[in-house]
Amino acid sequence: MMSKLMKKRLINVLATLVMLFSYVANAETTEVVAKIVKVDIEQSQITLASKRYNEMPYKAAFDIRISLENGETAGVANLRKGDLVTAVVDSGSSVVHVIDVLK
């Protein structure tokens, strides 16, 4: 039989797991086709314009994945104004996680 202390710890762990799962499940990530309007390398900020979102600035995620049209991986400095891209963005926190430059 479990002691009161063990039950309390188990309940705390389960509650923490439920909160973590709900946070991850409610992330507002969407994939959009957009045009790069502005790239600010110093602030790691990329402004995208699409049909769904007008011009909207996004902070580049720490682990952002950028692929150029030739398939090579790249950094924010390789992005150019006017590039047509598909991007995975979190509109709730204004963070971009993935950018694929289209041909």
PDB file of N, CA and C in Angstrom:
ATOM      1  N   MET A   1       0.840  -1.171   0.000  1.00  0.00           N
ATOM      2  CA  MET A   1       0.000   0.000   0.000  1.00  0.00           C
ATOM      3  C   MET A   1       0.896   1.251   0.000  1.00  0.00           C
ATOM      4  N   MET A   2       0.453   2.289  -0.692  1.00  0.00           N
ATOM      5  CA  MET A   2       1.240   3.514  -0.805  1.00  0.00           C
ATOM      6  C   MET A   2       1.012   4.405   0.412  1.00  0.00           C
ATOM      7  N   SER A   3       2.075   5.036   0.804  1.00  0.00           N
ATOM      8  CA  SER A   3       1.952   5.973   1.917  1.00  0.00           C
ATOM      9  C   SER A   3       1.328   7.278   1.421  1.00  0.00           C
ATOM     10  N   LYS A   4       0.908   8.118   2.342  1.00  0.00           N
ATOM     11  CA  LYS A   4       0.300   9.405   1.983  1.00  0.00           C
ATOM     12  C   LYS A   4       1.280  10.282   1.210  1.00  0.00           C
ATOM     13  N   LEU A   5       2.550  10.251   1.604  1.00  0.00           N
ATOM     14  CA  LEU A   5       3.574  11.048   0.937  1.00  0.00           C
ATOM     15  C   LEU A   5       3.759  10.589  -0.510  1.00  0.00           C
ATOM     16  N   MET A   6       3.778   9.281  -0.738  1.00  0.00           N
ATOM     17  CA  MET A   6       3.935   8.743  -2.091  1.00  0.00           C
ATOM     18  C   MET A   6       2.731   9.113  -2.957  1.00  0.00           C
ATOM     19  N   LYS A   7       1.527   9.056  -2.398  1.00  0.00           N
ATOM     20  CA  LYS A   7       0.329   9.424  -3.141  1.00  0.00           C
ATOM     21  C   LYS A   7       0.380  10.904  -3.542  1.00  0.00           C
ATOM     22  N   LYS A   8       0.809  11.741  -2.601  1.00  0.00           N
ATOM     23  CA  LYS A   8       0.886  13.177  -2.873  1.00  0.00           C
ATOM     24  C   LYS A   8       1.892  13.455  -3.988  1.00  0.00           C
ATOM     25  N   ARG A   9       3.046  12.794  -3.948  1.00  0.00           N
ATOM     26  CA  ARG A   9       4.068  12.982  -4.982  1.00  0.00           C
ATOM     27  C   ARG A   9       3.561  12.491  -6.338  1.00  0.00           C
ATOM     28  N   LEU A  10       2.883  11.350  -6.345  1.00  0.00           N
ATOM     29  CA  LEU A  10       2.348  10.807  -7.586  1.00  0.00           C
ATOM     30  C   LEU A  10       1.324  11.764  -8.190  1.00  0.00           C
ATOM     31  N   ILE A  11       0.463  12.326  -7.376  1.00  0.00           N
ATOM     32  CA  ILE A  11      -0.534  13.289  -7.855  1.00  0.00           C
ATOM     33  C   ILE A  11       0.160  14.530  -8.422  1.00  0.00           C
ATOM     34  N   ASN A  12       1.206  15.005  -7.754  1.00  0.00           N
ATOM     35  CA  ASN A  12       1.942  16.181  -8.254  1.00  0.00           C
ATOM     36  C   ASN A  12       2.596  15.889  -9.604  1.00  0.00           C
ATOM     37  N   VAL A  13       3.185  14.717  -9.748  1.00  0.00           N
ATOM     38  CA  VAL A  13       3.835  14.337 -11.013  1.00  0.00           C
ATOM     39  C   VAL A  13       2.792  14.238 -12.127  1.00  0.00           C
ATOM     40  N   LEU A  14       1.676  13.599 -11.856  1.00  0.00           N
ATOM     41  CA  LEU A  14       0.618  13.470 -12.861  1.00  0.00           C
ATOM     42  C   LEU A  14       0.052  14.822 -13.257  1.00  0.00           C
ATOM     43  N   ALA A  15      -0.142  15.704 -12.290  1.00  0.00           N
ATOM     44  CA  ALA A  15      -0.653  17.045 -12.592  1.00  0.00           C
ATOM     45  C   ALA A  15       0.337  17.810 -13.473  1.00  0.00           C
ATOM     46  N   THR A  16       1.616  17.680 -13.185  1.00  0.00           N
ATOM     47  CA  THR A  16       2.640  18.339 -13.986  1.00  0.00           C
ATOM     48  C   THR A  16       2.642  17.794 -15.409  1.00  0.00           C
ATOM     49  N   LEU A  17       2.513  16.484 -15.564  1.00  0.00           N
ATOM     50  CA  LEU A  17       2.474  15.884 -16.891  1.00  0.00           C
ATOM     51  C   LEU A  17       1.249  16.352 -17.681  1.00  0.00           C
ATOM     52  N   VAL A  18       0.119  16.456 -17.028  1.00  0.00           N
ATOM     53  CA  VAL A  18      -1.091  16.934 -17.695  1.00  0.00           C
ATOM     54  C   VAL A  18      -0.907  18.370 -18.165  1.00  0.00           C
ATOM     55  N   MET A  19      -0.323  19.229 -17.350  1.00  0.00           N
ATOM     56  CA  MET A  19      -0.093  20.627 -17.738  1.00  0.00           C
ATOM     57  C   MET A  19       0.881  20.701 -18.916  1.00  0.00           C
ATOM     58  N   LEU A  20       1.948  19.909 -18.889  1.00  0.00           N
ATOM     59  CA  LEU A  20       2.926  19.897 -19.969  1.00  0.00           C
ATOM     60  C   LEU A  20       2.275  19.429 -21.268  1.00  0.00           C
ATOM     61  N   PHE A  21       1.494  18.366 -21.193  1.00  0.00           N
ATOM     62  CA  PHE A  21       0.823  17.855 -22.387  1.00  0.00           C
ATOM     63  C   PHE A  21      -0.145  18.889 -22.955  1.00  0.00           C
ATOM     64  N   SER A  22      -0.901  19.553 -22.112  1.00  0.00           N
ATOM     65  CA  SER A  22      -1.859  20.542 -22.608  1.00  0.00           C
ATOM     66  C   SER A  22      -1.142  21.727 -23.244  1.00  0.00           C
ATOM     67  N   TYR A  23       0.022  22.102 -22.723  1.00  0.00           N
ATOM     68  CA  TYR A  23       0.799  23.191 -23.308  1.00  0.00           C
ATOM     69  C   TYR A  23       1.264  22.804 -24.710  1.00  0.00           C
ATOM     70  N   VAL A  24       1.795  21.589 -24.849  1.00  0.00           N
ATOM     71  CA  VAL A  24       2.298  21.137 -26.142  1.00  0.00           C
ATOM     72  C   VAL A  24       1.146  20.936 -27.126  1.00  0.00           C
ATOM     73  N   ALA A  25       0.049  20.380 -26.676  1.00  0.00           N
ATOM     74  CA  ALA A  25      -1.078  20.104 -27.556  1.00  0.00           C
ATOM     75  C   ALA A  25      -1.757  21.375 -28.056  1.00  0.00           C
ATOM     76  N   ASN A  26      -1.655  22.455 -27.320  1.00  0.00           N
ATOM     77  CA  ASN A  26      -2.326  23.692 -27.696  1.00  0.00           C
ATOM     78  C   ASN A  26      -1.425  24.679 -28.420  1.00  0.00           C
ATOM     79  N   ALA A  27      -0.238  24.246 -28.816  1.00  0.00           N
ATOM     80  CA  ALA A  27       0.634  25.129 -29.580  1.00  0.00           C
ATOM     81  C   ALA A  27      -0.049  25.456 -30.905  1.00  0.00           C
ATOM     82  N   GLU A  28      -0.011  26.692 -31.294  1.00  0.00           N
ATOM     83  CA  GLU A  28      -0.733  27.156 -32.473  1.00  0.00           C
ATOM     84  C   GLU A  28       0.171  27.173 -33.698  1.00  0.00           C
ATOM     85  N   THR A  29       0.793  26.047 -34.016  1.00  0.00           N
ATOM     86  CA  THR A  29       1.672  26.015 -35.178  1.00  0.00           C
ATOM     87  C   THR A  29       0.865  25.749 -36.437  1.00  0.00           C
ATOM     88  N   THR A  30       1.168  26.518 -37.463  1.00  0.00           N
ATOM     89  CA  THR A  30       0.535  26.342 -38.764  1.00  0.00           C
ATOM     90  C   THR A  30       1.598  26.502 -39.838  1.00  0.00           C
ATOM     91  N   GLU A  31       1.348  25.889 -40.974  1.00  0.00           N
ATOM     92  CA  GLU A  31       2.249  26.025 -42.112  1.00  0.00           C
ATOM     93  C   GLU A  31       1.614  26.987 -43.106  1.00  0.00           C
ATOM     94  N   VAL A  32       2.367  27.987 -43.510  1.00  0.00           N
ATOM     95  CA  VAL A  32       1.856  28.992 -44.433  1.00  0.00           C
ATOM     96  C   VAL A  32       2.812  29.178 -45.602  1.00  0.00           C
ATOM     97  N   VAL A  33       2.258  29.545 -46.746  1.00  0.00           N
ATOM     98  CA  VAL A  33       3.061  29.971 -47.882  1.00  0.00           C
ATOM     99  C   VAL A  33       3.105  31.483 -47.799  1.00  0.00           C
ATOM    100  N   ALA A  34       4.311  32.030 -47.800  1.00  0.00           N
ATOM    101  CA  ALA A  34       4.451  33.473 -47.585  1.00  0.00           C
ATOM    102  C   ALA A  34       5.616  34.030 -48.387  1.00  0.00           C
ATOM    103  N   LYS A  35       5.684  35.332 -48.387  1.00  0.00           N
ATOM    104  CA  LYS A  35       6.775  36.056 -49.026  1.00  0.00           C
ATOM    105  C   LYS A  35       7.552  36.783 -47.941  1.00  0.00           C
ATOM    106  N   ILE A  36       8.867  36.730 -48.024  1.00  0.00           N
ATOM    107  CA  ILE A  36       9.696  37.439 -47.037  1.00  0.00           C
ATOM    108  C   ILE A  36       9.675  38.930 -47.367  1.00  0.00           C
ATOM    109  N   VAL A  37       9.256  39.726 -46.394  1.00  0.00           N
ATOM    110  CA  VAL A  37       9.173  41.170 -46.571  1.00  0.00           C
ATOM    111  C   VAL A  37      10.421  41.853 -46.014  1.00  0.00           C
ATOM    112  N   LYS A  38      10.936  41.328 -44.902  1.00  0.00           N
ATOM    113  CA  LYS A  38      12.091  41.946 -44.247  1.00  0.00           C
ATOM    114  C   LYS A  38      12.831  40.896 -43.446  1.00  0.00           C
ATOM    115  N   VAL A  39      14.164  40.991 -43.427  1.00  0.00           N
ATOM    116  CA  VAL A  39      15.003  40.117 -42.616  1.00  0.00           C
ATOM    117  C   VAL A  39      15.898  40.989 -41.755  1.00  0.00           C
ATOM    118  N   ASP A  40      15.783  40.855 -40.444  1.00  0.00           N
ATOM    119  CA  ASP A  40      16.626  41.582 -39.492  1.00  0.00           C
ATOM    120  C   ASP A  40      17.554  40.564 -38.841  1.00  0.00           C
ATOM    121  N   ILE A  41      18.787  40.493 -39.324  1.00  0.00           N
ATOM    122  CA  ILE A  41      19.738  39.479 -38.860  1.00  0.00           C
ATOM    123  C   ILE A  41      20.128  39.716 -37.409  1.00  0.00           C
ATOM    124  N   GLU A  42      20.328  40.963 -37.025  1.00  0.00           N
ATOM    125  CA  GLU A  42      20.766  41.266 -35.660  1.00  0.00           C
ATOM    126  C   GLU A  42      19.743  40.822 -34.618  1.00  0.00           C
ATOM    127  N   GLN A  43      18.457  40.971 -34.927  1.00  0.00           N
ATOM    128  CA  GLN A  43      17.408  40.606 -33.969  1.00  0.00           C
ATOM    129  C   GLN A  43      16.822  39.227 -34.253  1.00  0.00           C
ATOM    130  N   SER A  44      17.351  38.535 -35.284  1.00  0.00           N
ATOM    131  CA  SER A  44      16.825  37.235 -35.717  1.00  0.00           C
ATOM    132  C   SER A  44      15.321  37.307 -35.935  1.00  0.00           C
ATOM    133  N   GLN A  45      14.907  38.316 -36.673  1.00  0.00           N
ATOM    134  CA  GLN A  45      13.493  38.539 -36.917  1.00  0.00           C
ATOM    135  C   GLN A  45      13.228  38.521 -38.421  1.00  0.00           C
ATOM    136  N   ILE A  46      12.170  37.803 -38.807  1.00  0.00           N
ATOM    137  CA  ILE A  46      11.802  37.666 -40.202  1.00  0.00           C
ATOM    138  C   ILE A  46      10.352  38.121 -40.340  1.00  0.00           C
ATOM    139  N   THR A  47      10.102  39.074 -41.224  1.00  0.00           N
ATOM    140  CA  THR A  47       8.743  39.549 -41.461  1.00  0.00           C
ATOM    141  C   THR A  47       8.205  38.845 -42.692  1.00  0.00           C
ATOM    142  N   LEU A  48       7.064  38.165 -42.515  1.00  0.00           N
ATOM    143  CA  LEU A  48       6.431  37.415 -43.596  1.00  0.00           C
ATOM    144  C   LEU A  48       5.084  38.028 -43.928  1.00  0.00           C
ATOM    145  N   ALA A  49       4.707  37.935 -45.205  1.00  0.00           N
ATOM    146  CA  ALA A  49       3.378  38.370 -45.640  1.00  0.00           C
ATOM    147  C   ALA A  49       2.737  37.205 -46.382  1.00  0.00           C
ATOM    148  N   SER A  50       1.488  36.904 -46.030  1.00  0.00           N
ATOM    149  CA  SER A  50       0.758  35.821 -46.686  1.00  0.00           C
ATOM    150  C   SER A  50      -0.710  36.208 -46.785  1.00  0.00           C
ATOM    151  N   LYS A  51      -1.490  35.349 -47.438  1.00  0.00           N
ATOM    152  CA  LYS A  51      -2.922  35.612 -47.527  1.00  0.00           C
ATOM    153  C   LYS A  51      -3.568  35.497 -46.159  1.00  0.00           C
ATOM    154  N   ARG A  52      -3.095  34.549 -45.353  1.00  0.00           N
ATOM    155  CA  ARG A  52      -3.678  34.332 -44.026  1.00  0.00           C
ATOM    156  C   ARG A  52      -3.287  35.448 -43.062  1.00  0.00           C
ATOM    157  N   TYR A  53      -2.037  35.840 -43.092  1.00  0.00           N
ATOM    158  CA  TYR A  53      -1.528  36.895 -42.203  1.00  0.00           C
ATOM    159  C   TYR A  53      -0.967  38.005 -43.076  1.00  0.00           C
ATOM    160  N   ASN A  54      -1.342  39.234 -42.801  1.00  0.00           N
ATOM    161  CA  ASN A  54      -0.700  40.340 -43.498  1.00  0.00           C
ATOM    162  C   ASN A  54       0.750  40.367 -43.060  1.00  0.00           C
ATOM    163  N   GLU A  55       1.442  41.441 -43.228  1.00  0.00           N
ATOM    164  CA  GLU A  55       2.837  41.505 -42.787  1.00  0.00           C
ATOM    165  C   GLU A  55       2.912  41.259 -41.289  1.00  0.00           C
ATOM    166  N   MET A  56       3.669  40.239 -40.915  1.00  0.00           N
ATOM    167  CA  MET A  56       3.782  39.893 -39.501  1.00  0.00           C
ATOM    168  C   MET A  56       5.222  39.517 -39.195  1.00  0.00           C
ATOM    169  N   PRO A  57       5.825  40.159 -38.178  1.00  0.00           N
ATOM    170  CA  PRO A  57       7.200  39.812 -37.809  1.00  0.00           C
ATOM    171  C   PRO A  57       7.212  38.558 -36.930  1.00  0.00           C
ATOM    172  N   TYR A  58       8.174  37.684 -37.200  1.00  0.00           N
ATOM    173  CA  TYR A  58       8.356  36.463 -36.420  1.00  0.00           C
ATOM    174  C   TYR A  58       9.798  36.396 -35.938  1.00  0.00           C
ATOM    175  N   LYS A  59       9.957  35.989 -34.706  1.00  0.00           N
ATOM    176  CA  LYS A  59      11.279  35.751 -34.140  1.00  0.00           C
ATOM    177  C   LYS A  59      11.723  34.370 -34.604  1.00  0.00           C
ATOM    178  N   ALA A  60      12.959  34.234 -35.046  1.00  0.00           N
ATOM    179  CA  ALA A  60      13.484  32.938 -35.458  1.00  0.00           C
ATOM    180  C   ALA A  60      13.697  32.074 -34.215  1.00  0.00           C
ATOM    181  N   ALA A  61      13.177  30.851 -34.242  1.00  0.00           N
ATOM    182  CA  ALA A  61      13.359  29.927 -33.125  1.00  0.00           C
ATOM    183  C   ALA A  61      14.839  29.622 -32.956  1.00  0.00           C
ATOM    184  N   PHE A  62      15.225  29.266 -31.738  1.00  0.00           N
ATOM    185  CA  PHE A  62      16.622  28.942 -31.460  1.00  0.00           C
ATOM    186  C   PHE A  62      17.108  27.813 -32.365  1.00  0.00           C
ATOM    187  N   ASP A  63      16.240  26.841 -32.624  1.00  0.00           N
ATOM    188  CA  ASP A  63      16.618  25.684 -33.444  1.00  0.00           C
ATOM    189  C   ASP A  63      15.951  25.715 -34.821  1.00  0.00           C
ATOM    190  N   ILE A  64      15.819  26.910 -35.394  1.00  0.00           N
ATOM    191  CA  ILE A  64      15.147  27.058 -36.687  1.00  0.00           C
ATOM    192  C   ILE A  64      15.847  26.210 -37.745  1.00  0.00           C
ATOM    193  N   ARG A  65      15.020  25.624 -38.634  1.00  0.00           N
ATOM    194  CA  ARG A  65      15.551  24.836 -39.747  1.00  0.00           C
ATOM    195  C   ARG A  65      15.209  25.580 -41.028  1.00  0.00           C
ATOM    196  N   ILE A  66      16.254  25.990 -41.755  1.00  0.00           N
ATOM    197  CA  ILE A  66      16.071  26.726 -43.002  1.00  0.00           C
ATOM    198  C   ILE A  66      16.676  25.914 -44.134  1.00  0.00           C
ATOM    199  N   SER A  67      15.873  25.676 -45.176  1.00  0.00           N
ATOM    200  CA  SER A  67      16.343  24.963 -46.365  1.00  0.00           C
ATOM    201  C   SER A  67      16.200  25.877 -47.571  1.00  0.00           C
ATOM    202  N   LEU A  68      17.282  26.021 -48.331  1.00  0.00           N
ATOM    203  CA  LEU A  68      17.240  26.834 -49.543  1.00  0.00           C
ATOM    204  C   LEU A  68      16.608  26.035 -50.672  1.00  0.00           C
ATOM    205  N   GLU A  69      16.345  26.699 -51.802  1.00  0.00           N
ATOM    206  CA  GLU A  69      15.663  26.024 -52.908  1.00  0.00           C
ATOM    207  C   GLU A  69      16.479  24.888 -53.506  1.00  0.00           C
ATOM    208  N   ASN A  70      17.807  24.914 -53.330  1.00  0.00           N
ATOM    209  CA  ASN A  70      18.635  23.814 -53.829  1.00  0.00           C
ATOM    210  C   ASN A  70      18.771  22.685 -52.812  1.00  0.00           C
ATOM    211  N   GLY A  71      18.091  22.801 -51.677  1.00  0.00           N
ATOM    212  CA  GLY A  71      18.102  21.741 -50.673  1.00  0.00           C
ATOM    213  C   GLY A  71      19.142  21.909 -49.573  1.00  0.00           C
ATOM    214  N   GLU A  72      20.038  22.864 -49.718  1.00  0.00           N
ATOM    215  CA  GLU A  72      21.068  23.085 -48.698  1.00  0.00           C
ATOM    216  C   GLU A  72      20.466  23.733 -47.462  1.00  0.00           C
ATOM    217  N   THR A  73      21.010  23.374 -46.295  1.00  0.00           N
ATOM    218  CA  THR A  73      20.586  24.043 -45.065  1.00  0.00           C
ATOM    219  C   THR A  73      21.294  25.391 -44.983  1.00  0.00           C
ATOM    220  N   ALA A  74      20.650  26.332 -44.335  1.00  0.00           N
ATOM    221  CA  ALA A  74      21.176  27.692 -44.295  1.00  0.00           C
ATOM    222  C   ALA A  74      20.803  28.363 -42.989  1.00  0.00           C
ATOM    223  N   GLY A  75      21.249  29.597 -42.847  1.00  0.00           N
ATOM    224  CA  GLY A  75      20.926  30.417 -41.685  1.00  0.00           C
ATOM    225  C   GLY A  75      20.064  31.592 -42.086  1.00  0.00           C
ATOM    226  N   VAL A  76      19.681  32.374 -41.117  1.00  0.00           N
ATOM    227  CA  VAL A  76      18.831  33.540 -41.356  1.00  0.00           C
ATOM    228  C   VAL A  76      19.501  34.503 -42.337  1.00  0.00           C
ATOM    229  N   ALA A  77      20.817  34.606 -42.303  1.00  0.00           N
ATOM    230  CA  ALA A  77      21.540  35.530 -43.177  1.00  0.00           C
ATOM    231  C   ALA A  77      21.400  35.164 -44.649  1.00  0.00           C
ATOM    232  N   ASN A  78      21.028  33.929 -44.964  1.00  0.00           N
ATOM    233  CA  ASN A  78      20.881  33.500 -46.351  1.00  0.00           C
ATOM    234  C   ASN A  78      19.506  33.820 -46.939  1.00  0.00           C
ATOM    235  N   LEU A  79      18.587  34.268 -46.118  1.00  0.00           N
ATOM    236  CA  LEU A  79      17.256  34.611 -46.598  1.00  0.00           C
ATOM    237  C   LEU A  79      17.275  35.995 -47.226  1.00  0.00           C
ATOM    238  N   ARG A  80      16.476  36.166 -48.275  1.00  0.00           N
ATOM    239  CA  ARG A  80      16.440  37.437 -48.990  1.00  0.00           C
ATOM    240  C   ARG A  80      15.009  37.980 -49.067  1.00  0.00           C
ATOM    241  N   LYS A  81      14.912  39.284 -49.050  1.00  0.00           N
ATOM    242  CA  LYS A  81      13.614  39.946 -49.225  1.00  0.00           C
ATOM    243  C   LYS A  81      13.061  39.520 -50.588  1.00  0.00           C
ATOM    244  N   GLY A  82      11.786  39.144 -50.604  1.00  0.00           N
ATOM    245  CA  GLY A  82      11.147  38.727 -51.843  1.00  0.00           C
ATOM    246  C   GLY A  82      11.111  37.226 -52.054  1.00  0.00           C
ATOM    247  N   ASP A  83      11.873  36.457 -51.259  1.00  0.00           N
ATOM    248  CA  ASP A  83      11.841  34.994 -51.380  1.00  0.00           C
ATOM    249  C   ASP A  83      10.453  34.477 -51.056  1.00  0.00           C
ATOM    250  N   LEU A  84       9.978  33.524 -51.855  1.00  0.00           N
ATOM    251  CA  LEU A  84       8.724  32.844 -51.576  1.00  0.00           C
ATOM    252  C   LEU A  84       9.070  31.601 -50.764  1.00  0.00           C
ATOM    253  N   VAL A  85       8.397  31.418 -49.625  1.00  0.00           N
ATOM    254  CA  VAL A  85       8.750  30.343 -48.707  1.00  0.00           C
ATOM    255  C   VAL A  85       7.506  29.633 -48.177  1.00  0.00           C
ATOM    256  N   THR A  86       7.710  28.433 -47.678  1.00  0.00           N
ATOM    257  CA  THR A  86       6.723  27.819 -46.792  1.00  0.00           C
ATOM    258  C   THR A  86       7.342  27.898 -45.408  1.00  0.00           C
ATOM    259  N   ALA A  87       6.531  28.236 -44.427  1.00  0.00           N
ATOM    260  CA  ALA A  87       7.044  28.433 -43.076  1.00  0.00           C
ATOM    261  C   ALA A  87       6.107  27.786 -42.066  1.00  0.00           C
ATOM    262  N   VAL A  88       6.694  27.184 -41.047  1.00  0.00           N
ATOM    263  CA  VAL A  88       5.928  26.672 -39.917  1.00  0.00           C
ATOM    264  C   VAL A  88       6.078  27.702 -38.811  1.00  0.00           C
ATOM    265  N   VAL A  89       4.949  28.337 -38.464  1.00  0.00           N
ATOM    266  CA  VAL A  89       4.977  29.428 -37.497  1.00  0.00           C
ATOM    267  C   VAL A  89       4.062  29.121 -36.322  1.00  0.00           C
ATOM    268  N   ASP A  90       4.413  29.677 -35.181  1.00  0.00           N
ATOM    269  CA  ASP A  90       3.561  29.634 -33.991  1.00  0.00           C
ATOM    270  C   ASP A  90       2.990  31.034 -33.853  1.00  0.00           C
ATOM    271  N   SER A  91       1.754  31.201 -34.286  1.00  0.00           N
ATOM    272  CA  SER A  91       1.170  32.539 -34.302  1.00  0.00           C
ATOM    273  C   SER A  91       0.921  33.076 -32.904  1.00  0.00           C
ATOM    274  N   GLY A  92       0.786  32.197 -31.923  1.00  0.00           N
ATOM    275  CA  GLY A  92       0.551  32.648 -30.555  1.00  0.00           C
ATOM    276  C   GLY A  92       1.753  33.351 -29.965  1.00  0.00           C
ATOM    277  N   SER A  93       2.945  32.826 -30.242  1.00  0.00           N
ATOM    278  CA  SER A  93       4.162  33.434 -29.692  1.00  0.00           C
ATOM    279  C   SER A  93       4.991  34.145 -30.756  1.00  0.00           C
ATOM    280  N   SER A  94       4.493  34.201 -31.994  1.00  0.00           N
ATOM    281  CA  SER A  94       5.184  34.865 -33.106  1.00  0.00           C
ATOM    282  C   SER A  94       6.594  34.343 -33.308  1.00  0.00           C
ATOM    283  N   VAL A  95       6.707  33.021 -33.379  1.00  0.00           N
ATOM    284  CA  VAL A  95       8.000  32.363 -33.601  1.00  0.00           C
ATOM    285  C   VAL A  95       7.891  31.522 -34.866  1.00  0.00           C
ATOM    286  N   VAL A  96       8.929  31.574 -35.701  1.00  0.00           N
ATOM    287  CA  VAL A  96       8.997  30.724 -36.890  1.00  0.00           C
ATOM    288  C   VAL A  96       9.978  29.597 -36.606  1.00  0.00           C
ATOM    289  N   HIS A  97       9.564  28.354 -36.902  1.00  0.00           N
ATOM    290  CA  HIS A  97      10.370  27.175 -36.590  1.00  0.00           C
ATOM    291  C   HIS A  97      11.053  26.577 -37.811  1.00  0.00           C
ATOM    292  N   VAL A  98      10.388  26.643 -38.972  1.00  0.00           N
ATOM    293  CA  VAL A  98      10.913  26.034 -40.199  1.00  0.00           C
ATOM    294  C   VAL A  98      10.643  26.980 -41.352  1.00  0.00           C
ATOM    295  N   ILE A  99      11.652  27.141 -42.219  1.00  0.00           N
ATOM    296  CA  ILE A  99      11.483  27.902 -43.451  1.00  0.00           C
ATOM    297  C   ILE A  99      12.080  27.091 -44.585  1.00  0.00           C
ATOM    298  N   ASP A 100      11.283  26.869 -45.620  1.00  0.00           N
ATOM    299  CA  ASP A 100      11.747  26.227 -46.851  1.00  0.00           C
ATOM    300  C   ASP A 100      11.560  27.217 -47.978  1.00  0.00           C
ATOM    301  N   VAL A 101      12.668  27.599 -48.631  1.00  0.00           N
ATOM    302  CA  VAL A 101      12.611  28.545 -49.741  1.00  0.00           C
ATOM    303  C   VAL A 101      12.131  27.779 -50.978  1.00  0.00           C
ATOM    304  N   LEU A 102      11.125  28.348 -51.662  1.00  0.00           N
ATOM    305  CA  LEU A 102      10.567  27.728 -52.853  1.00  0.00           C
ATOM    306  C   LEU A 102      11.254  28.243 -54.098  1.00  0.00           C
ATOM    307  N   LYS A 103      11.130  27.518 -55.195  1.00  0.00           N
ATOM    308  CA  LYS A 103      11.730  27.918 -56.462  1.00  0.00           C
ATOM    309  C   LYS A 103      10.895  28.965 -57.134  1.00  0.00           C
TER     310      LYS A 103
END
